């Protein structure tokens, strides 16, 4: 039953909330539905994102559009969860699948964060409430799947080739992932983990006014730069000038790269919630799993529980405990051997 609901159009579910009050309102909804059917996600976002009077229907449509633009529809995501659960390394398989799905998206993590916020506009943070309606429970699953997908996307960001990490046949160590785990550990307690050295540089302020501690992590002779915010590392993608995010390039020494560039924060809006490994990997994974657990069918619940159990097993914890950022570090180190 659940999968049938997820595979159906998200807009169809919105009619459970209210009917159309006017012909123009009905036409607007049909227009939005038509854009989603055509996978015109930019069209839906352009139409609804900046509205000051978004309805529940608008927020649900936005959630679907942001997810689609990130790389996967809800029905596709359900399929990936199910197929990953059939593998010995279920969570690793899921992460690899998500990386493949989002590789052509310009800003998948930002889109997934916005999708989560859109669903929260409808159900808030109450996805563990026993008094939720059936419709609200379904939307909690949408929210939870979005958060789990965001976690997988983030892990793919902090590795060079996440596919090799979870391919036991290669036996290769991903230097970037090891550096990322060390940076996360350093942010937590100031230790360097499994890395050769960690060098703290000057603080950096970007064009939006956001200020970060800058560190360089040394692994097997390679140096990797990270930004710290509080006790967590900031999610970055590519390199850019501190004066202008539009200078962002994907790789060092590529066209447009300048020797004064730094790793570039994904979040360009100083007023938005900071995207860090703690908030996007640990917190989102916990909250996403809890939200899905409200009304998931037995098959999906089993797959999602397997994800959590694999992460916690690296810290010798039971599957009913909360995942911390240190658990994520332990999991990544265990996989990257």
C-alpha atoms as a PDB file:
ATOM      1  CA  UNK A   1       0.000   0.000   0.000  1.00  0.00           C
ATOM      2  CA  UNK A   2       2.762   2.422   0.944  1.00  0.00           C
ATOM      3  CA  UNK A   3       4.699   1.953  -2.276  1.00  0.00           C
ATOM      4  CA  UNK A   4       1.552   2.516  -4.320  1.00  0.00           C
ATOM      5  CA  UNK A   5       1.005   5.821  -2.545  1.00  0.00           C
ATOM      6  CA  UNK A   6       4.591   6.896  -3.102  1.00  0.00           C
ATOM      7  CA  UNK A   7       4.559   5.936  -6.757  1.00  0.00           C
ATOM      8  CA  UNK A   8       1.387   7.906  -7.401  1.00  0.00           C
ATOM      9  CA  UNK A   9       1.566  11.638  -8.040  1.00  0.00           C
ATOM     10  CA  UNK A  10       2.340  13.681  -4.937  1.00  0.00           C
ATOM     11  CA  UNK A  11      -0.133  16.318  -6.002  1.00  0.00           C
ATOM     12  CA  UNK A  12      -2.929  13.749  -5.884  1.00  0.00           C
ATOM     13  CA  UNK A  13      -2.300  13.385  -2.162  1.00  0.00           C
ATOM     14  CA  UNK A  14      -2.654  17.115  -1.644  1.00  0.00           C
ATOM     15  CA  UNK A  15      -6.339  16.932  -2.493  1.00  0.00           C
ATOM     16  CA  UNK A  16      -6.804  15.092   0.804  1.00  0.00           C
ATOM     17  CA  UNK A  17      -6.224  18.417   2.528  1.00  0.00           C
ATOM     18  CA  UNK A  18      -8.683  20.665   0.756  1.00  0.00           C
ATOM     19  CA  UNK A  19     -10.670  21.210  -2.374  1.00  0.00           C
ATOM     20  CA  UNK A  20     -10.261  24.019  -4.870  1.00  0.00           C
ATOM     21  CA  UNK A  21     -11.916  27.274  -3.818  1.00  0.00           C
ATOM     22  CA  UNK A  22     -12.039  28.738  -7.314  1.00  0.00           C
ATOM     23  CA  UNK A  23     -11.610  27.877 -10.969  1.00  0.00           C
ATOM     24  CA  UNK A  24      -8.335  29.791 -11.070  1.00  0.00           C
ATOM     25  CA  UNK A  25      -7.008  27.856  -8.080  1.00  0.00           C
ATOM     26  CA  UNK A  26      -7.920  24.590  -9.741  1.00  0.00           C
ATOM     27  CA  UNK A  27      -6.244  25.651 -12.968  1.00  0.00           C
ATOM     28  CA  UNK A  28      -3.104  26.606 -11.063  1.00  0.00           C
ATOM     29  CA  UNK A  29      -2.918  23.199  -9.414  1.00  0.00           C
ATOM     30  CA  UNK A  30      -3.399  21.434 -12.721  1.00  0.00           C
ATOM     31  CA  UNK A  31      -0.648  23.568 -14.208  1.00  0.00           C
ATOM     32  CA  UNK A  32       1.675  22.543 -11.377  1.00  0.00           C
ATOM     33  CA  UNK A  33       0.684  18.894 -11.804  1.00  0.00           C
ATOM     34  CA  UNK A  34       1.374  19.120 -15.508  1.00  0.00           C
ATOM     35  CA  UNK A  35       4.853  20.554 -14.893  1.00  0.00           C
ATOM     36  CA  UNK A  36       5.658  17.752 -12.445  1.00  0.00           C
ATOM     37  CA  UNK A  37       4.432  15.153 -14.929  1.00  0.00           C
ATOM     38  CA  UNK A  38       6.772  16.650 -17.544  1.00  0.00           C
ATOM     39  CA  UNK A  39       9.610  16.742 -14.978  1.00  0.00           C
ATOM     40  CA  UNK A  40       9.742  20.515 -15.341  1.00  0.00           C
ATOM     41  CA  UNK A  41      11.084  20.882 -11.822  1.00  0.00           C
ATOM     42  CA  UNK A  42      12.601  24.303 -12.441  1.00  0.00           C
ATOM     43  CA  UNK A  43       9.211  25.517 -13.598  1.00  0.00           C
ATOM     44  CA  UNK A  44       7.511  24.379 -10.385  1.00  0.00           C
ATOM     45  CA  UNK A  45      10.243  25.900  -8.225  1.00  0.00           C
ATOM     46  CA  UNK A  46      10.164  29.203 -10.129  1.00  0.00           C
ATOM     47  CA  UNK A  47       6.397  29.330  -9.774  1.00  0.00           C
ATOM     48  CA  UNK A  48       6.131  28.520  -6.068  1.00  0.00           C
ATOM     49  CA  UNK A  49       9.399  28.976  -4.164  1.00  0.00           C
ATOM     50  CA  UNK A  50       9.193  32.742  -3.646  1.00  0.00           C
ATOM     51  CA  UNK A  51       5.488  32.899  -2.883  1.00  0.00           C
ATOM     52  CA  UNK A  52       4.652  34.446   0.488  1.00  0.00           C
ATOM     53  CA  UNK A  53       1.329  32.633   0.680  1.00  0.00           C
ATOM     54  CA  UNK A  54       2.190  29.023  -0.032  1.00  0.00           C
ATOM     55  CA  UNK A  55      -0.544  26.505   0.684  1.00  0.00           C
ATOM     56  CA  UNK A  56       0.021  22.973   1.892  1.00  0.00           C
ATOM     57  CA  UNK A  57      -0.448  21.869  -1.694  1.00  0.00           C
ATOM     58  CA  UNK A  58       2.254  24.286  -2.842  1.00  0.00           C
ATOM     59  CA  UNK A  59       4.712  22.999  -0.257  1.00  0.00           C
ATOM     60  CA  UNK A  60       4.107  19.383  -1.250  1.00  0.00           C
ATOM     61  CA  UNK A  61       4.576  20.231  -4.913  1.00  0.00           C
ATOM     62  CA  UNK A  62       7.790  22.085  -4.053  1.00  0.00           C
ATOM     63  CA  UNK A  63       9.062  19.093  -2.089  1.00  0.00           C
ATOM     64  CA  UNK A  64       8.483  16.841  -5.083  1.00  0.00           C
ATOM     65  CA  UNK A  65      10.130  19.332  -7.447  1.00  0.00           C
ATOM     66  CA  UNK A  66      13.212  19.789  -5.281  1.00  0.00           C
ATOM     67  CA  UNK A  67      13.612  16.023  -4.960  1.00  0.00           C
ATOM     68  CA  UNK A  68      13.211  15.547  -8.694  1.00  0.00           C
ATOM     69  CA  UNK A  69      15.770  18.239  -9.448  1.00  0.00           C
ATOM     70  CA  UNK A  70      18.176  16.601  -7.011  1.00  0.00           C
ATOM     71  CA  UNK A  71      18.049  13.468  -9.129  1.00  0.00           C
ATOM     72  CA  UNK A  72      15.355  11.086  -7.916  1.00  0.00           C
ATOM     73  CA  UNK A  73      11.587  11.041  -7.735  1.00  0.00           C
ATOM     74  CA  UNK A  74       9.981   9.548  -4.642  1.00  0.00           C
ATOM     75  CA  UNK A  75       9.109   6.341  -6.464  1.00  0.00           C
ATOM     76  CA  UNK A  76      12.687   6.018  -7.742  1.00  0.00           C
ATOM     77  CA  UNK A  77      13.996   6.536  -4.219  1.00  0.00           C
ATOM     78  CA  UNK A  78      11.749   3.823  -2.786  1.00  0.00           C
ATOM     79  CA  UNK A  79      13.113   1.440  -5.417  1.00  0.00           C
ATOM     80  CA  UNK A  80      16.728   2.316  -4.527  1.00  0.00           C
ATOM     81  CA  UNK A  81      16.055   1.704  -0.815  1.00  0.00           C
ATOM     82  CA  UNK A  82      14.516  -1.678  -1.598  1.00  0.00           C
ATOM     83  CA  UNK A  83      17.290  -2.790  -3.951  1.00  0.00           C
ATOM     84  CA  UNK A  84      20.021  -1.658  -1.541  1.00  0.00           C
ATOM     85  CA  UNK A  85      18.498  -3.766   1.204  1.00  0.00           C
ATOM     86  CA  UNK A  86      19.237  -6.886  -0.831  1.00  0.00           C
ATOM     87  CA  UNK A  87      23.011  -6.289  -0.603  1.00  0.00           C
ATOM     88  CA  UNK A  88      25.376  -7.391   2.151  1.00  0.00           C
ATOM     89  CA  UNK A  89      26.495  -3.778   2.586  1.00  0.00           C
ATOM     90  CA  UNK A  90      23.048  -2.193   2.333  1.00  0.00           C
ATOM     91  CA  UNK A  91      23.924   1.370   3.342  1.00  0.00           C
ATOM     92  CA  UNK A  92      27.066   1.419   1.204  1.00  0.00           C
ATOM     93  CA  UNK A  93      25.062   0.240  -1.783  1.00  0.00           C
ATOM     94  CA  UNK A  94      22.482   2.941  -1.114  1.00  0.00           C
ATOM     95  CA  UNK A  95      25.153   5.666  -0.958  1.00  0.00           C
ATOM     96  CA  UNK A  96      26.680   4.513  -4.255  1.00  0.00           C
ATOM     97  CA  UNK A  97      23.262   4.470  -5.941  1.00  0.00           C
ATOM     98  CA  UNK A  98      22.449   7.969  -4.704  1.00  0.00           C
ATOM     99  CA  UNK A  99      25.785   9.282  -5.966  1.00  0.00           C
ATOM    100  CA  UNK A 100      24.993   7.932  -9.441  1.00  0.00           C
ATOM    101  CA  UNK A 101      21.491   9.417  -9.354  1.00  0.00           C
ATOM    102  CA  UNK A 102      22.599  12.910  -8.319  1.00  0.00           C
ATOM    103  CA  UNK A 103      25.814  13.254 -10.343  1.00  0.00           C
ATOM    104  CA  UNK A 104      24.172  15.410 -13.019  1.00  0.00           C
ATOM    105  CA  UNK A 105      22.415  17.685 -10.522  1.00  0.00           C
ATOM    106  CA  UNK A 106      23.892  21.134  -9.949  1.00  0.00           C
ATOM    107  CA  UNK A 107      23.171  21.348  -6.217  1.00  0.00           C
ATOM    108  CA  UNK A 108      21.503  18.136  -4.971  1.00  0.00           C
ATOM    109  CA  UNK A 109      22.160  18.674  -1.275  1.00  0.00           C
ATOM    110  CA  UNK A 110      20.687  22.184  -1.281  1.00  0.00           C
ATOM    111  CA  UNK A 111      17.664  20.878  -3.195  1.00  0.00           C
ATOM    112  CA  UNK A 112      17.189  17.996  -0.750  1.00  0.00           C
ATOM    113  CA  UNK A 113      17.454  20.386   2.196  1.00  0.00           C
ATOM    114  CA  UNK A 114      14.786  22.578   0.616  1.00  0.00           C
ATOM    115  CA  UNK A 115      12.612  19.517  -0.042  1.00  0.00           C
ATOM    116  CA  UNK A 116      12.814  18.582   3.638  1.00  0.00           C
ATOM    117  CA  UNK A 117      11.854  22.126   4.644  1.00  0.00           C
ATOM    118  CA  UNK A 118       8.893  22.044   2.248  1.00  0.00           C
ATOM    119  CA  UNK A 119       7.559  18.856   3.828  1.00  0.00           C
ATOM    120  CA  UNK A 120       8.156  20.284   7.305  1.00  0.00           C
ATOM    121  CA  UNK A 121       5.919  23.226   6.379  1.00  0.00           C
ATOM    122  CA  UNK A 122       3.106  20.678   6.208  1.00  0.00           C
ATOM    123  CA  UNK A 123       3.883  18.260   9.062  1.00  0.00           C
ATOM    124  CA  UNK A 124       6.395  20.212  11.169  1.00  0.00           C
ATOM    125  CA  UNK A 125       8.723  18.187  13.392  1.00  0.00           C
ATOM    126  CA  UNK A 126       5.951  15.961  14.676  1.00  0.00           C
ATOM    127  CA  UNK A 127       6.573  12.831  12.650  1.00  0.00           C
ATOM    128  CA  UNK A 128       6.715  10.632  15.741  1.00  0.00           C
ATOM    129  CA  UNK A 129       3.326  11.855  16.970  1.00  0.00           C
ATOM    130  CA  UNK A 130       0.922   8.947  17.379  1.00  0.00           C
ATOM    131  CA  UNK A 131      -2.031  11.176  16.424  1.00  0.00           C
ATOM    132  CA  UNK A 132      -0.955  11.934  12.871  1.00  0.00           C
ATOM    133  CA  UNK A 133      -3.517  11.457  10.134  1.00  0.00           C
ATOM    134  CA  UNK A 134      -2.854   8.909   7.397  1.00  0.00           C
ATOM    135  CA  UNK A 135      -2.000  11.719   4.976  1.00  0.00           C
ATOM    136  CA  UNK A 136       0.449  13.266   7.444  1.00  0.00           C
ATOM    137  CA  UNK A 137       2.102   9.895   7.998  1.00  0.00           C
ATOM    138  CA  UNK A 138       2.665   9.547   4.264  1.00  0.00           C
ATOM    139  CA  UNK A 139       4.247  12.988   4.103  1.00  0.00           C
ATOM    140  CA  UNK A 140       6.491  12.068   7.038  1.00  0.00           C
ATOM    141  CA  UNK A 141       7.796   9.212   4.914  1.00  0.00           C
ATOM    142  CA  UNK A 142       8.494  11.646   2.072  1.00  0.00           C
ATOM    143  CA  UNK A 143      10.374  13.850   4.545  1.00  0.00           C
ATOM    144  CA  UNK A 144      12.302  10.923   6.003  1.00  0.00           C
ATOM    145  CA  UNK A 145      13.330   9.552   2.617  1.00  0.00           C
ATOM    146  CA  UNK A 146      14.539  13.008   1.610  1.00  0.00           C
ATOM    147  CA  UNK A 147      16.696  13.270   4.737  1.00  0.00           C
ATOM    148  CA  UNK A 148      18.209   9.802   4.276  1.00  0.00           C
ATOM    149  CA  UNK A 149      18.960  10.652   0.637  1.00  0.00           C
ATOM    150  CA  UNK A 150      20.631  13.871   1.810  1.00  0.00           C
ATOM    151  CA  UNK A 151      22.833  11.879   4.171  1.00  0.00           C
ATOM    152  CA  UNK A 152      23.957   9.595   1.356  1.00  0.00           C
ATOM    153  CA  UNK A 153      24.606  12.575  -0.918  1.00  0.00           C
ATOM    154  CA  UNK A 154      26.795  14.223   1.714  1.00  0.00           C
ATOM    155  CA  UNK A 155      28.897  11.095   2.207  1.00  0.00           C
ATOM    156  CA  UNK A 156      29.470  10.917  -1.543  1.00  0.00           C
ATOM    157  CA  UNK A 157      30.658  14.565  -1.425  1.00  0.00           C
ATOM    158  CA  UNK A 158      33.362  13.887   1.138  1.00  0.00           C
ATOM    159  CA  UNK A 159      34.998  11.043  -0.814  1.00  0.00           C
ATOM    160  CA  UNK A 160      36.918  11.008  -4.059  1.00  0.00           C
ATOM    161  CA  UNK A 161      35.334   7.798  -5.406  1.00  0.00           C
ATOM    162  CA  UNK A 162      32.697   6.426  -3.046  1.00  0.00           C
ATOM    163  CA  UNK A 163      32.063   3.454  -5.342  1.00  0.00           C
ATOM    164  CA  UNK A 164      35.565   2.092  -4.707  1.00  0.00           C
ATOM    165  CA  UNK A 165      35.139   2.507  -0.957  1.00  0.00           C
ATOM    166  CA  UNK A 166      32.206   0.125  -0.891  1.00  0.00           C
ATOM    167  CA  UNK A 167      33.646  -2.258  -3.490  1.00  0.00           C
ATOM    168  CA  UNK A 168      35.418  -4.846  -1.352  1.00  0.00           C
ATOM    169  CA  UNK A 169      37.150  -6.269  -4.429  1.00  0.00           C
ATOM    170  CA  UNK A 170      39.336  -3.170  -4.920  1.00  0.00           C
ATOM    171  CA  UNK A 171      40.828  -3.011  -1.425  1.00  0.00           C
ATOM    172  CA  UNK A 172      41.749   0.614  -2.095  1.00  0.00           C
ATOM    173  CA  UNK A 173      41.846   3.418   0.462  1.00  0.00           C
ATOM    174  CA  UNK A 174      40.179   6.671  -0.578  1.00  0.00           C
ATOM    175  CA  UNK A 175      42.555   9.357   0.714  1.00  0.00           C
ATOM    176  CA  UNK A 176      39.921  12.073   0.545  1.00  0.00           C
ATOM    177  CA  UNK A 177      37.424  10.067   2.597  1.00  0.00           C
ATOM    178  CA  UNK A 178      40.083   9.305   5.200  1.00  0.00           C
ATOM    179  CA  UNK A 179      40.933  13.008   5.351  1.00  0.00           C
ATOM    180  CA  UNK A 180      37.231  13.846   5.716  1.00  0.00           C
ATOM    181  CA  UNK A 181      36.838  11.431   8.616  1.00  0.00           C
ATOM    182  CA  UNK A 182      39.925  12.939  10.270  1.00  0.00           C
ATOM    183  CA  UNK A 183      38.583  16.472   9.774  1.00  0.00           C
ATOM    184  CA  UNK A 184      35.293  15.438  11.381  1.00  0.00           C
ATOM    185  CA  UNK A 185      37.171  13.898  14.312  1.00  0.00           C
ATOM    186  CA  UNK A 186      39.369  17.001  14.669  1.00  0.00           C
ATOM    187  CA  UNK A 187      36.308  19.248  14.799  1.00  0.00           C
ATOM    188  CA  UNK A 188      34.878  17.109  17.586  1.00  0.00           C
ATOM    189  CA  UNK A 189      37.870  16.676  19.880  1.00  0.00           C
ATOM    190  CA  UNK A 190      41.004  18.210  18.316  1.00  0.00           C
ATOM    191  CA  UNK A 191      42.680  14.846  17.547  1.00  0.00           C
ATOM    192  CA  UNK A 192      43.958  13.919  14.088  1.00  0.00           C
ATOM    193  CA  UNK A 193      42.468  10.425  13.863  1.00  0.00           C
ATOM    194  CA  UNK A 194      44.140   8.153  11.317  1.00  0.00           C
ATOM    195  CA  UNK A 195      45.773  10.978   9.363  1.00  0.00           C
ATOM    196  CA  UNK A 196      49.436  12.030   9.249  1.00  0.00           C
ATOM    197  CA  UNK A 197      48.870  15.616  10.345  1.00  0.00           C
ATOM    198  CA  UNK A 198      46.322  18.408  10.582  1.00  0.00           C
ATOM    199  CA  UNK A 199      47.462  22.002  10.130  1.00  0.00           C
ATOM    200  CA  UNK A 200      45.216  24.841  11.228  1.00  0.00           C
ATOM    201  CA  UNK A 201      45.433  27.941   9.004  1.00  0.00           C
ATOM    202  CA  UNK A 202      43.901  31.424   9.289  1.00  0.00           C
ATOM    203  CA  UNK A 203      40.159  31.904   9.616  1.00  0.00           C
ATOM    204  CA  UNK A 204      38.328  32.573   6.341  1.00  0.00           C
ATOM    205  CA  UNK A 205      35.359  34.863   5.672  1.00  0.00           C
ATOM    206  CA  UNK A 206      33.332  34.432   2.489  1.00  0.00           C
ATOM    207  CA  UNK A 207      31.313  36.962   0.503  1.00  0.00           C
ATOM    208  CA  UNK A 208      28.110  36.221   2.449  1.00  0.00           C
ATOM    209  CA  UNK A 209      29.840  37.043   5.739  1.00  0.00           C
ATOM    210  CA  UNK A 210      30.130  33.430   6.909  1.00  0.00           C
ATOM    211  CA  UNK A 211      33.308  32.840   8.885  1.00  0.00           C
ATOM    212  CA  UNK A 212      35.097  29.485   9.242  1.00  0.00           C
ATOM    213  CA  UNK A 213      38.230  27.909  10.688  1.00  0.00           C
ATOM    214  CA  UNK A 214      40.420  26.604   7.879  1.00  0.00           C
ATOM    215  CA  UNK A 215      42.419  23.365   8.247  1.00  0.00           C
ATOM    216  CA  UNK A 216      44.582  21.215   5.990  1.00  0.00           C
ATOM    217  CA  UNK A 217      44.554  17.448   6.542  1.00  0.00           C
ATOM    218  CA  UNK A 218      47.545  15.386   5.371  1.00  0.00           C
ATOM    219  CA  UNK A 219      46.977  11.777   4.217  1.00  0.00           C
ATOM    220  CA  UNK A 220      49.625   9.697   2.438  1.00  0.00           C
ATOM    221  CA  UNK A 221      51.391  12.836   1.303  1.00  0.00           C
ATOM    222  CA  UNK A 222      48.213  14.506  -0.017  1.00  0.00           C
ATOM    223  CA  UNK A 223      46.763  17.687   1.500  1.00  0.00           C
ATOM    224  CA  UNK A 224      43.008  18.274   1.756  1.00  0.00           C
ATOM    225  CA  UNK A 225      41.385  21.527   2.884  1.00  0.00           C
ATOM    226  CA  UNK A 226      38.331  21.703   5.168  1.00  0.00           C
ATOM    227  CA  UNK A 227      36.250  24.411   6.813  1.00  0.00           C
ATOM    228  CA  UNK A 228      35.072  24.057  10.409  1.00  0.00           C
ATOM    229  CA  UNK A 229      31.974  25.580  11.956  1.00  0.00           C
ATOM    230  CA  UNK A 230      31.698  24.948  15.676  1.00  0.00           C
ATOM    231  CA  UNK A 231      32.409  21.263  16.301  1.00  0.00           C
ATOM    232  CA  UNK A 232      31.578  20.077  12.816  1.00  0.00           C
ATOM    233  CA  UNK A 233      32.962  20.294   9.289  1.00  0.00           C
ATOM    234  CA  UNK A 234      31.155  22.360   6.671  1.00  0.00           C
ATOM    235  CA  UNK A 235      29.827  20.668   3.525  1.00  0.00           C
ATOM    236  CA  UNK A 236      31.748  22.053   0.560  1.00  0.00           C
ATOM    237  CA  UNK A 237      31.811  21.480  -3.174  1.00  0.00           C
ATOM    238  CA  UNK A 238      34.568  22.666  -5.474  1.00  0.00           C
ATOM    239  CA  UNK A 239      36.659  25.799  -4.965  1.00  0.00           C
ATOM    240  CA  UNK A 240      35.873  29.495  -5.115  1.00  0.00           C
ATOM    241  CA  UNK A 241      37.071  32.958  -4.279  1.00  0.00           C
ATOM    242  CA  UNK A 242      36.161  34.288  -0.842  1.00  0.00           C
ATOM    243  CA  UNK A 243      34.747  37.338  -2.640  1.00  0.00           C
ATOM    244  CA  UNK A 244      32.376  35.671  -5.079  1.00  0.00           C
ATOM    245  CA  UNK A 245      30.608  32.286  -5.126  1.00  0.00           C
ATOM    246  CA  UNK A 246      30.086  32.540  -8.893  1.00  0.00           C
ATOM    247  CA  UNK A 247      33.793  31.773  -9.303  1.00  0.00           C
ATOM    248  CA  UNK A 248      33.159  28.187  -8.102  1.00  0.00           C
ATOM    249  CA  UNK A 249      35.066  25.517 -10.061  1.00  0.00           C
ATOM    250  CA  UNK A 250      34.975  21.754  -9.540  1.00  0.00           C
ATOM    251  CA  UNK A 251      38.667  20.950  -9.341  1.00  0.00           C
ATOM    252  CA  UNK A 252      41.997  22.479  -8.433  1.00  0.00           C
ATOM    253  CA  UNK A 253      43.980  23.798 -11.363  1.00  0.00           C
ATOM    254  CA  UNK A 254      40.945  23.603 -13.685  1.00  0.00           C
ATOM    255  CA  UNK A 255      39.954  26.481 -15.962  1.00  0.00           C
ATOM    256  CA  UNK A 256      39.187  29.529 -13.817  1.00  0.00           C
ATOM    257  CA  UNK A 257      40.945  28.192 -10.714  1.00  0.00           C
ATOM    258  CA  UNK A 258      43.064  30.708  -8.815  1.00  0.00           C
ATOM    259  CA  UNK A 259      45.784  29.890  -6.299  1.00  0.00           C
ATOM    260  CA  UNK A 260      43.917  31.995  -3.725  1.00  0.00           C
ATOM    261  CA  UNK A 261      40.733  29.909  -4.013  1.00  0.00           C
ATOM    262  CA  UNK A 262      39.478  27.850  -1.063  1.00  0.00           C
ATOM    263  CA  UNK A 263      37.087  24.934  -0.740  1.00  0.00           C
ATOM    264  CA  UNK A 264      33.664  26.458  -1.296  1.00  0.00           C
ATOM    265  CA  UNK A 265      30.677  26.064   1.091  1.00  0.00           C
ATOM    266  CA  UNK A 266      27.595  24.593  -0.554  1.00  0.00           C
ATOM    267  CA  UNK A 267      25.416  26.983   1.404  1.00  0.00           C
ATOM    268  CA  UNK A 268      25.705  30.449  -0.149  1.00  0.00           C
ATOM    269  CA  UNK A 269      22.955  31.981   2.016  1.00  0.00           C
ATOM    270  CA  UNK A 270      24.323  33.239   5.328  1.00  0.00           C
ATOM    271  CA  UNK A 271      20.782  33.318   6.777  1.00  0.00           C
ATOM    272  CA  UNK A 272      20.097  29.657   6.005  1.00  0.00           C
ATOM    273  CA  UNK A 273      20.923  26.812   8.365  1.00  0.00           C
ATOM    274  CA  UNK A 274      24.585  25.857   8.025  1.00  0.00           C
ATOM    275  CA  UNK A 275      25.074  22.580   6.166  1.00  0.00           C
ATOM    276  CA  UNK A 276      27.575  20.577   8.212  1.00  0.00           C
ATOM    277  CA  UNK A 277      28.482  16.915   8.443  1.00  0.00           C
ATOM    278  CA  UNK A 278      26.833  16.794  11.850  1.00  0.00           C
ATOM    279  CA  UNK A 279      23.487  18.275  10.784  1.00  0.00           C
ATOM    280  CA  UNK A 280      23.264  16.597   7.392  1.00  0.00           C
ATOM    281  CA  UNK A 281      24.766  13.182   8.088  1.00  0.00           C
ATOM    282  CA  UNK A 282      24.089  12.340  11.723  1.00  0.00           C
ATOM    283  CA  UNK A 283      21.042  14.450  12.605  1.00  0.00           C
ATOM    284  CA  UNK A 284      19.294  14.003   9.276  1.00  0.00           C
ATOM    285  CA  UNK A 285      19.891  10.250   9.277  1.00  0.00           C
ATOM    286  CA  UNK A 286      18.437   9.888  12.776  1.00  0.00           C
ATOM    287  CA  UNK A 287      15.458  12.137  12.032  1.00  0.00           C
ATOM    288  CA  UNK A 288      14.861  10.575   8.635  1.00  0.00           C
ATOM    289  CA  UNK A 289      14.838   7.054  10.007  1.00  0.00           C
ATOM    290  CA  UNK A 290      12.477   8.110  12.819  1.00  0.00           C
ATOM    291  CA  UNK A 291      10.118   9.797  10.341  1.00  0.00           C
ATOM    292  CA  UNK A 292      10.045   6.771   8.055  1.00  0.00           C
ATOM    293  CA  UNK A 293       9.342   4.504  11.022  1.00  0.00           C
ATOM    294  CA  UNK A 294       5.966   6.149  11.609  1.00  0.00           C
ATOM    295  CA  UNK A 295       4.104   4.188   8.982  1.00  0.00           C
ATOM    296  CA  UNK A 296       6.571   2.319   6.754  1.00  0.00           C
ATOM    297  CA  UNK A 297       5.583  -1.147   5.653  1.00  0.00           C
ATOM    298  CA  UNK A 298       7.595  -4.061   7.055  1.00  0.00           C
ATOM    299  CA  UNK A 299       9.846  -4.327   3.994  1.00  0.00           C
ATOM    300  CA  UNK A 300      10.888  -0.679   3.946  1.00  0.00           C
ATOM    301  CA  UNK A 301      11.293  -0.580   7.725  1.00  0.00           C
ATOM    302  CA  UNK A 302      13.613  -3.582   7.557  1.00  0.00           C
ATOM    303  CA  UNK A 303      15.769  -1.919   4.887  1.00  0.00           C
ATOM    304  CA  UNK A 304      15.993   1.380   6.766  1.00  0.00           C
ATOM    305  CA  UNK A 305      16.774  -0.344  10.072  1.00  0.00           C
ATOM    306  CA  UNK A 306      19.586  -2.192   8.307  1.00  0.00           C
ATOM    307  CA  UNK A 307      21.139   1.129   7.287  1.00  0.00           C
ATOM    308  CA  UNK A 308      21.194   2.311  10.885  1.00  0.00           C
ATOM    309  CA  UNK A 309      22.425  -1.004  12.283  1.00  0.00           C
ATOM    310  CA  UNK A 310      25.404  -1.029   9.914  1.00  0.00           C
ATOM    311  CA  UNK A 311      26.509   2.447  10.995  1.00  0.00           C
ATOM    312  CA  UNK A 312      26.145   1.726  14.716  1.00  0.00           C
ATOM    313  CA  UNK A 313      27.866  -1.660  14.483  1.00  0.00           C
ATOM    314  CA  UNK A 314      31.115   0.172  13.702  1.00  0.00           C
ATOM    315  CA  UNK A 315      30.936   1.667  17.212  1.00  0.00           C
ATOM    316  CA  UNK A 316      29.724  -1.574  18.816  1.00  0.00           C
ATOM    317  CA  UNK A 317      26.372   0.015  19.536  1.00  0.00           C
ATOM    318  CA  UNK A 318      22.942  -1.542  19.355  1.00  0.00           C
ATOM    319  CA  UNK A 319      20.569  -0.620  16.542  1.00  0.00           C
ATOM    320  CA  UNK A 320      18.185   1.251  18.854  1.00  0.00           C
ATOM    321  CA  UNK A 321      20.740   3.913  19.833  1.00  0.00           C
ATOM    322  CA  UNK A 322      21.087   7.382  18.343  1.00  0.00           C
ATOM    323  CA  UNK A 323      23.750   7.877  15.664  1.00  0.00           C
ATOM    324  CA  UNK A 324      26.391  10.479  16.537  1.00  0.00           C
ATOM    325  CA  UNK A 325      28.959  12.104  14.268  1.00  0.00           C
ATOM    326  CA  UNK A 326      31.646   9.954  15.914  1.00  0.00           C
ATOM    327  CA  UNK A 327      29.671   6.867  14.877  1.00  0.00           C
ATOM    328  CA  UNK A 328      29.762   8.170  11.303  1.00  0.00           C
ATOM    329  CA  UNK A 329      33.548   8.635  11.577  1.00  0.00           C
ATOM    330  CA  UNK A 330      33.943   5.071  12.835  1.00  0.00           C
ATOM    331  CA  UNK A 331      31.740   3.740  10.039  1.00  0.00           C
ATOM    332  CA  UNK A 332      33.653   5.587   7.321  1.00  0.00           C
ATOM    333  CA  UNK A 333      37.011   4.451   8.713  1.00  0.00           C
ATOM    334  CA  UNK A 334      35.835   0.841   8.865  1.00  0.00           C
ATOM    335  CA  UNK A 335      34.605   0.905   5.267  1.00  0.00           C
ATOM    336  CA  UNK A 336      37.672   2.710   3.926  1.00  0.00           C
ATOM    337  CA  UNK A 337      40.273  -0.019   4.451  1.00  0.00           C
END
